[in-house]
N, C-alpha and C. Protein backbone atom coordinates (compact mmCIF):
# COMPACT_ATOMS: atom_id res chain seq x y z
N MET A 1 13.17 -8.47 5.37
CA MET A 1 14.23 -8.49 6.34
C MET A 1 14.87 -9.87 6.33
N ALA A 2 16.12 -9.91 6.52
CA ALA A 2 16.81 -11.19 6.62
C ALA A 2 16.57 -11.75 8.00
N ALA A 3 16.23 -13.01 8.05
CA ALA A 3 15.93 -13.65 9.33
C ALA A 3 17.09 -13.49 10.29
N GLY A 4 16.80 -13.04 11.49
CA GLY A 4 17.80 -12.92 12.53
C GLY A 4 18.67 -11.67 12.45
N THR A 5 18.63 -10.93 11.33
CA THR A 5 19.50 -9.76 11.21
C THR A 5 18.72 -8.46 11.13
N GLY A 6 17.49 -8.52 10.68
CA GLY A 6 16.71 -7.30 10.50
C GLY A 6 17.10 -6.51 9.27
N ALA A 7 18.07 -7.03 8.50
CA ALA A 7 18.50 -6.33 7.30
C ALA A 7 17.55 -6.61 6.16
N GLY A 8 17.46 -5.70 5.22
CA GLY A 8 16.64 -5.94 4.04
C GLY A 8 15.61 -4.87 3.82
N ALA A 9 14.51 -5.26 3.23
CA ALA A 9 13.48 -4.32 2.81
C ALA A 9 12.83 -3.63 4.00
N ARG A 10 12.42 -2.41 3.78
CA ARG A 10 11.73 -1.63 4.81
C ARG A 10 10.45 -1.09 4.21
N ARG A 11 9.39 -1.03 5.03
CA ARG A 11 8.14 -0.41 4.63
C ARG A 11 7.78 0.60 5.69
N ARG A 12 7.08 1.62 5.29
CA ARG A 12 6.65 2.65 6.24
C ARG A 12 5.14 2.75 6.19
N SER A 13 4.51 2.70 7.35
CA SER A 13 3.07 2.89 7.40
C SER A 13 2.79 4.36 7.69
N ARG A 14 1.58 4.78 7.47
CA ARG A 14 1.23 6.18 7.68
C ARG A 14 1.24 6.57 9.16
N GLY A 15 1.03 5.59 10.04
CA GLY A 15 0.93 5.92 11.45
C GLY A 15 2.09 5.47 12.29
N GLY A 16 3.19 5.03 11.69
CA GLY A 16 4.28 4.47 12.47
C GLY A 16 3.92 3.08 12.96
N THR A 17 4.88 2.37 13.46
CA THR A 17 4.61 1.01 13.92
C THR A 17 4.66 0.91 15.43
N GLY A 18 4.14 -0.20 15.95
CA GLY A 18 4.10 -0.43 17.38
C GLY A 18 5.34 -1.09 17.92
N GLY A 19 6.44 -1.03 17.23
CA GLY A 19 7.69 -1.62 17.71
C GLY A 19 8.17 -2.71 16.77
N ASP A 20 9.00 -3.58 17.28
CA ASP A 20 9.54 -4.66 16.48
C ASP A 20 8.42 -5.59 16.02
N PRO A 21 8.54 -6.13 14.81
CA PRO A 21 7.50 -7.05 14.32
C PRO A 21 7.65 -8.43 14.94
N ALA A 22 6.56 -9.19 14.93
CA ALA A 22 6.62 -10.62 15.21
C ALA A 22 6.86 -11.29 13.86
N VAL A 23 7.91 -12.08 13.73
CA VAL A 23 8.24 -12.72 12.47
C VAL A 23 8.00 -14.22 12.60
N VAL A 24 7.12 -14.74 11.73
CA VAL A 24 6.74 -16.15 11.77
C VAL A 24 6.72 -16.67 10.34
N ASP A 25 7.47 -17.72 10.08
CA ASP A 25 7.47 -18.37 8.76
C ASP A 25 7.64 -17.39 7.61
N GLY A 26 8.57 -16.46 7.75
CA GLY A 26 8.86 -15.54 6.66
C GLY A 26 7.91 -14.37 6.51
N VAL A 27 7.01 -14.20 7.47
CA VAL A 27 6.07 -13.08 7.43
C VAL A 27 6.27 -12.24 8.69
N ALA A 28 6.42 -10.93 8.50
CA ALA A 28 6.55 -10.01 9.62
C ALA A 28 5.19 -9.38 9.89
N TYR A 29 4.75 -9.43 11.13
CA TYR A 29 3.45 -8.87 11.53
C TYR A 29 3.73 -7.69 12.44
N THR A 30 3.16 -6.53 12.10
CA THR A 30 3.38 -5.34 12.92
C THR A 30 2.11 -4.50 12.98
N GLY A 31 1.87 -3.94 14.13
CA GLY A 31 0.76 -3.02 14.29
C GLY A 31 1.18 -1.62 13.89
N SER A 32 0.20 -0.76 13.65
CA SER A 32 0.50 0.58 13.18
C SER A 32 -0.41 1.61 13.85
N GLY A 33 0.11 2.81 13.93
CA GLY A 33 -0.68 3.91 14.45
C GLY A 33 -1.85 4.29 13.56
N ASP A 34 -1.87 3.76 12.33
CA ASP A 34 -3.00 4.05 11.43
C ASP A 34 -4.19 3.11 11.66
N GLY A 35 -4.10 2.25 12.69
CA GLY A 35 -5.23 1.38 13.04
C GLY A 35 -5.26 0.06 12.30
N ASN A 36 -4.12 -0.38 11.79
CA ASN A 36 -4.05 -1.65 11.07
C ASN A 36 -2.97 -2.55 11.63
N LEU A 37 -3.18 -3.85 11.49
CA LEU A 37 -2.15 -4.86 11.65
C LEU A 37 -1.71 -5.22 10.25
N TYR A 38 -0.41 -5.17 9.98
CA TYR A 38 0.11 -5.50 8.66
C TYR A 38 0.87 -6.81 8.68
N ALA A 39 0.68 -7.59 7.61
CA ALA A 39 1.49 -8.78 7.35
C ALA A 39 2.36 -8.44 6.15
N VAL A 40 3.67 -8.52 6.32
CA VAL A 40 4.62 -8.11 5.30
C VAL A 40 5.59 -9.25 5.05
N ASP A 41 5.88 -9.54 3.79
CA ASP A 41 6.87 -10.55 3.45
C ASP A 41 8.21 -10.12 4.03
N ALA A 42 8.79 -10.95 4.88
CA ALA A 42 10.02 -10.58 5.58
C ALA A 42 11.23 -10.50 4.66
N THR A 43 11.15 -11.08 3.49
CA THR A 43 12.27 -11.03 2.55
C THR A 43 12.17 -9.85 1.60
N THR A 44 10.99 -9.65 1.03
CA THR A 44 10.83 -8.62 0.00
C THR A 44 10.28 -7.30 0.53
N GLY A 45 9.62 -7.33 1.68
CA GLY A 45 8.97 -6.13 2.21
C GLY A 45 7.60 -5.87 1.62
N GLY A 46 7.14 -6.75 0.72
CA GLY A 46 5.84 -6.58 0.10
C GLY A 46 4.69 -6.84 1.06
N LYS A 47 3.70 -5.97 1.03
CA LYS A 47 2.53 -6.14 1.90
C LYS A 47 1.72 -7.34 1.44
N ARG A 48 1.41 -8.23 2.38
CA ARG A 48 0.54 -9.37 2.08
C ARG A 48 -0.92 -9.04 2.37
N TRP A 49 -1.17 -8.45 3.51
CA TRP A 49 -2.52 -8.04 3.86
C TRP A 49 -2.48 -7.05 5.02
N ALA A 50 -3.63 -6.42 5.26
CA ALA A 50 -3.81 -5.52 6.40
C ALA A 50 -5.12 -5.89 7.08
N PHE A 51 -5.11 -5.85 8.41
CA PHE A 51 -6.29 -6.15 9.22
C PHE A 51 -6.65 -4.87 9.98
N PRO A 52 -7.82 -4.27 9.70
CA PRO A 52 -8.20 -3.02 10.37
C PRO A 52 -8.69 -3.27 11.80
N THR A 53 -8.18 -2.47 12.73
CA THR A 53 -8.63 -2.58 14.12
C THR A 53 -9.50 -1.40 14.53
N GLY A 54 -9.44 -0.31 13.76
CA GLY A 54 -10.24 0.86 14.08
C GLY A 54 -9.61 1.76 15.13
N SER A 55 -8.44 1.36 15.64
CA SER A 55 -7.73 2.14 16.64
C SER A 55 -6.25 1.83 16.50
N PRO A 56 -5.37 2.77 16.81
CA PRO A 56 -3.94 2.50 16.68
C PRO A 56 -3.51 1.24 17.46
N VAL A 57 -2.55 0.54 16.89
CA VAL A 57 -2.00 -0.67 17.52
C VAL A 57 -0.61 -0.29 18.02
N GLY A 58 -0.45 -0.21 19.34
CA GLY A 58 0.82 0.22 19.90
C GLY A 58 1.67 -0.89 20.45
N ALA A 59 1.13 -2.07 20.57
CA ALA A 59 1.87 -3.19 21.16
C ALA A 59 2.42 -4.11 20.08
N VAL A 60 3.48 -4.82 20.41
CA VAL A 60 4.05 -5.82 19.51
C VAL A 60 3.14 -7.05 19.51
N PRO A 61 2.76 -7.55 18.34
CA PRO A 61 1.92 -8.76 18.28
C PRO A 61 2.67 -9.97 18.84
N ALA A 62 1.93 -10.92 19.36
CA ALA A 62 2.50 -12.18 19.86
C ALA A 62 1.87 -13.33 19.09
N PHE A 63 2.66 -14.36 18.81
CA PHE A 63 2.20 -15.51 18.04
C PHE A 63 2.33 -16.76 18.88
N ALA A 64 1.25 -17.54 18.97
CA ALA A 64 1.27 -18.81 19.73
C ALA A 64 0.24 -19.75 19.14
N ASP A 65 0.66 -20.99 18.93
CA ASP A 65 -0.25 -22.06 18.48
C ASP A 65 -1.06 -21.67 17.25
N GLY A 66 -0.42 -21.00 16.29
CA GLY A 66 -1.09 -20.66 15.04
C GLY A 66 -2.00 -19.45 15.11
N VAL A 67 -1.97 -18.71 16.22
CA VAL A 67 -2.83 -17.54 16.39
C VAL A 67 -1.95 -16.33 16.69
N LEU A 68 -2.25 -15.22 16.03
CA LEU A 68 -1.55 -13.96 16.26
C LEU A 68 -2.42 -13.11 17.18
N TYR A 69 -1.86 -12.69 18.30
CA TYR A 69 -2.59 -11.88 19.29
C TYR A 69 -2.06 -10.45 19.27
N LEU A 70 -2.97 -9.49 19.33
CA LEU A 70 -2.57 -8.10 19.41
C LEU A 70 -3.67 -7.31 20.10
N SER A 71 -3.29 -6.13 20.55
CA SER A 71 -4.29 -5.24 21.15
C SER A 71 -4.14 -3.86 20.55
N SER A 72 -5.25 -3.14 20.53
CA SER A 72 -5.23 -1.77 20.05
C SER A 72 -5.33 -0.85 21.27
N VAL A 73 -5.05 0.43 21.06
CA VAL A 73 -5.01 1.35 22.20
C VAL A 73 -6.38 1.58 22.83
N ASN A 74 -7.45 1.19 22.17
CA ASN A 74 -8.78 1.34 22.77
C ASN A 74 -9.13 0.16 23.68
N GLY A 75 -8.17 -0.76 23.90
CA GLY A 75 -8.36 -1.85 24.85
C GLY A 75 -8.91 -3.14 24.27
N VAL A 76 -9.15 -3.19 22.97
CA VAL A 76 -9.66 -4.40 22.35
C VAL A 76 -8.50 -5.34 22.04
N VAL A 77 -8.66 -6.62 22.38
CA VAL A 77 -7.66 -7.64 22.08
C VAL A 77 -8.17 -8.49 20.93
N TYR A 78 -7.31 -8.75 19.97
CA TYR A 78 -7.67 -9.51 18.77
C TYR A 78 -6.86 -10.81 18.73
N ALA A 79 -7.51 -11.86 18.23
CA ALA A 79 -6.85 -13.13 17.94
C ALA A 79 -7.09 -13.40 16.46
N VAL A 80 -6.01 -13.33 15.66
CA VAL A 80 -6.11 -13.43 14.20
C VAL A 80 -5.51 -14.74 13.75
N THR A 81 -6.29 -15.50 12.97
CA THR A 81 -5.78 -16.78 12.45
C THR A 81 -5.63 -16.73 10.96
């Protein structure tokens, strides 16, 4: 995606996403209904990594002080560095 415009590459997860991604330093972070947090290159759309939560992620991740925070629908809150 182009910074500030949302234009560019698109990826689709098997479970849908939890809303708009958190974009930090060229990486888009989004939760998915398939139980993963995905890190995607915001320019190319290429998957960098996936973090399994074991439950769908319905909320938009938040980033603060070098830590990405998210919660899954089973009530678990994660802090990913």
